[in-house]
Amino acid sequence: GNVSAVMFHPKLPIILSGSEDGTVRVWHSGTYRLETTLNYGLERAWSLAVARSSNKVAIGYDEGTIVIQLGQEEPVVSMDSSGKILMANNNEVVSCSIRNTGQSAIDGEPIEV
């Protein structure tokens, strides 16, 4: 599918690409060889983000957002388009919903859950 997002990891030697076919591909940045292909069945992948201090990667899809831990590739946090959030921490699964307050939020500002 068409590539819609590309991200160089700030510390690891990898490049991530998100595609309209819903896949996220992990490439080695030295050899440009495909290392793995991830598919969570969430339609088109539009955005990628990583925290410099961790191996967590956020992936934005048409149907929601997930966060994975590189090396495990299992989602640790996901949010669907209705605002329902699921988080996994070891054996504990936590669920919450984001309420629409009708106000816009500033980037980085805490929101009510």
Protein backbone atom coordinates (compact mmCIF):
# COMPACT_ATOMS: atom_id res chain seq x y z
CA GLY A 1 0.00 0.00 0.00
CA ASN A 2 0.89 3.67 -0.20
CA VAL A 3 3.19 4.92 2.57
CA SER A 4 1.47 7.56 4.70
CA ALA A 5 3.99 8.05 7.57
CA VAL A 6 7.72 7.54 8.09
CA MET A 7 9.75 7.94 11.28
CA PHE A 8 13.43 7.50 12.14
CA HIS A 9 13.88 6.19 15.68
CA PRO A 10 16.04 8.69 17.64
CA LYS A 11 18.21 6.02 19.32
CA LEU A 12 17.65 2.61 17.69
CA PRO A 13 18.92 1.86 14.16
CA ILE A 14 15.42 1.54 12.71
CA ILE A 15 13.01 3.32 10.40
CA LEU A 16 9.27 2.77 10.77
CA SER A 17 6.79 3.27 7.93
CA GLY A 18 2.98 3.26 8.15
CA SER A 19 0.85 2.43 5.12
CA GLU A 20 -2.68 2.82 3.85
CA ASP A 21 -3.00 -1.00 3.88
CA GLY A 22 -2.82 -0.86 7.72
CA THR A 23 0.68 -2.30 8.04
CA VAL A 24 3.63 -0.80 9.88
CA ARG A 25 7.01 -1.91 8.61
CA VAL A 26 10.22 -1.83 10.62
CA TRP A 27 13.38 -1.33 8.54
CA HIS A 28 17.06 -1.46 9.54
CA SER A 29 18.40 2.07 9.01
CA GLY A 30 21.90 0.87 8.07
CA THR A 31 20.99 -1.80 5.51
CA TYR A 32 17.45 -0.60 4.61
CA ARG A 33 16.37 -4.23 4.92
CA LEU A 34 12.84 -5.02 6.10
CA GLU A 35 13.05 -6.45 9.64
CA THR A 36 9.36 -7.11 10.33
CA THR A 37 5.83 -6.16 9.30
CA LEU A 38 3.19 -5.40 11.94
CA ASN A 39 -0.55 -5.57 11.24
CA TYR A 40 -3.19 -4.96 13.91
CA GLY A 41 -6.18 -4.91 11.56
CA LEU A 42 -7.00 -1.23 12.16
CA GLU A 43 -7.36 0.10 8.60
CA ARG A 44 -4.96 2.83 7.41
CA ALA A 45 -1.91 3.81 9.51
CA TRP A 46 -1.61 7.62 9.32
CA SER A 47 0.89 8.66 11.98
CA LEU A 48 3.87 7.42 13.99
CA ALA A 49 5.48 8.86 17.12
CA VAL A 50 8.14 7.73 19.60
CA ALA A 51 9.34 8.96 22.97
CA ARG A 52 13.09 9.56 22.91
CA SER A 53 13.56 7.92 26.31
CA SER A 54 11.69 4.66 25.60
CA ASN A 55 11.09 1.94 23.04
CA LYS A 56 7.36 2.73 22.91
CA VAL A 57 5.89 3.71 19.56
CA ALA A 58 2.44 5.27 19.06
CA ILE A 59 0.62 4.41 15.84
CA GLY A 60 -2.42 6.41 14.68
CA TYR A 61 -4.99 4.56 12.58
CA ASP A 62 -8.38 5.42 11.06
CA GLU A 63 -10.03 3.37 13.82
CA GLY A 64 -7.94 4.48 16.80
CA THR A 65 -4.47 4.65 18.28
CA ILE A 66 -2.22 2.00 19.82
CA VAL A 67 1.10 2.12 21.64
CA ILE A 68 3.53 -0.78 21.28
CA GLN A 69 6.78 -1.63 23.01
CA LEU A 70 9.44 -2.37 20.36
CA GLY A 71 10.75 -5.89 20.87
CA GLN A 72 7.34 -7.10 22.05
CA GLU A 73 5.06 -5.58 19.37
CA GLU A 74 2.01 -6.21 21.55
CA PRO A 75 -0.12 -3.13 22.21
CA VAL A 76 0.32 -1.70 25.73
CA VAL A 77 -2.30 1.05 25.22
CA SER A 78 -5.06 1.43 22.65
CA MET A 79 -7.82 3.99 22.03
CA ASP A 80 -10.68 3.62 19.58
CA SER A 81 -12.55 6.41 17.79
CA SER A 82 -15.22 6.58 20.54
CA GLY A 83 -12.57 7.50 23.16
CA LYS A 84 -12.43 4.12 24.93
CA ILE A 85 -8.92 3.45 26.25
CA LEU A 86 -7.50 0.03 27.21
CA MET A 87 -4.18 -0.27 29.03
CA ALA A 88 -2.27 -3.43 29.94
CA ASN A 89 0.27 -3.57 32.75
CA ASN A 90 1.56 -7.09 33.47
CA ASN A 91 -1.59 -9.07 34.45
CA GLU A 92 -3.80 -6.01 34.98
CA VAL A 93 -6.04 -4.54 32.28
CA VAL A 94 -7.50 -1.07 32.87
CA SER A 95 -10.26 0.55 30.83
CA CYS A 96 -11.51 4.15 30.76
CA SER A 97 -13.26 6.54 28.42
CA ILE A 98 -12.47 10.12 27.45
CA ARG A 99 -15.49 12.35 27.94
CA ASN A 100 -16.28 15.03 25.41
CA THR A 101 -16.32 18.31 27.31
CA GLY A 102 -17.02 20.37 24.21
CA GLN A 103 -13.78 22.29 24.78
CA SER A 104 -10.64 21.99 22.71
CA ALA A 105 -7.44 20.88 24.46
CA ILE A 106 -3.99 22.36 24.05
CA ASP A 107 -1.29 19.90 23.01
CA GLY A 108 0.25 18.31 26.11
CA GLU A 109 -2.55 19.50 28.39
CA PRO A 110 -4.11 16.83 30.69
CA ILE A 111 -7.62 15.74 29.75
CA GLU A 112 -10.42 14.41 31.91
CA VAL A 113 -10.93 10.62 31.73
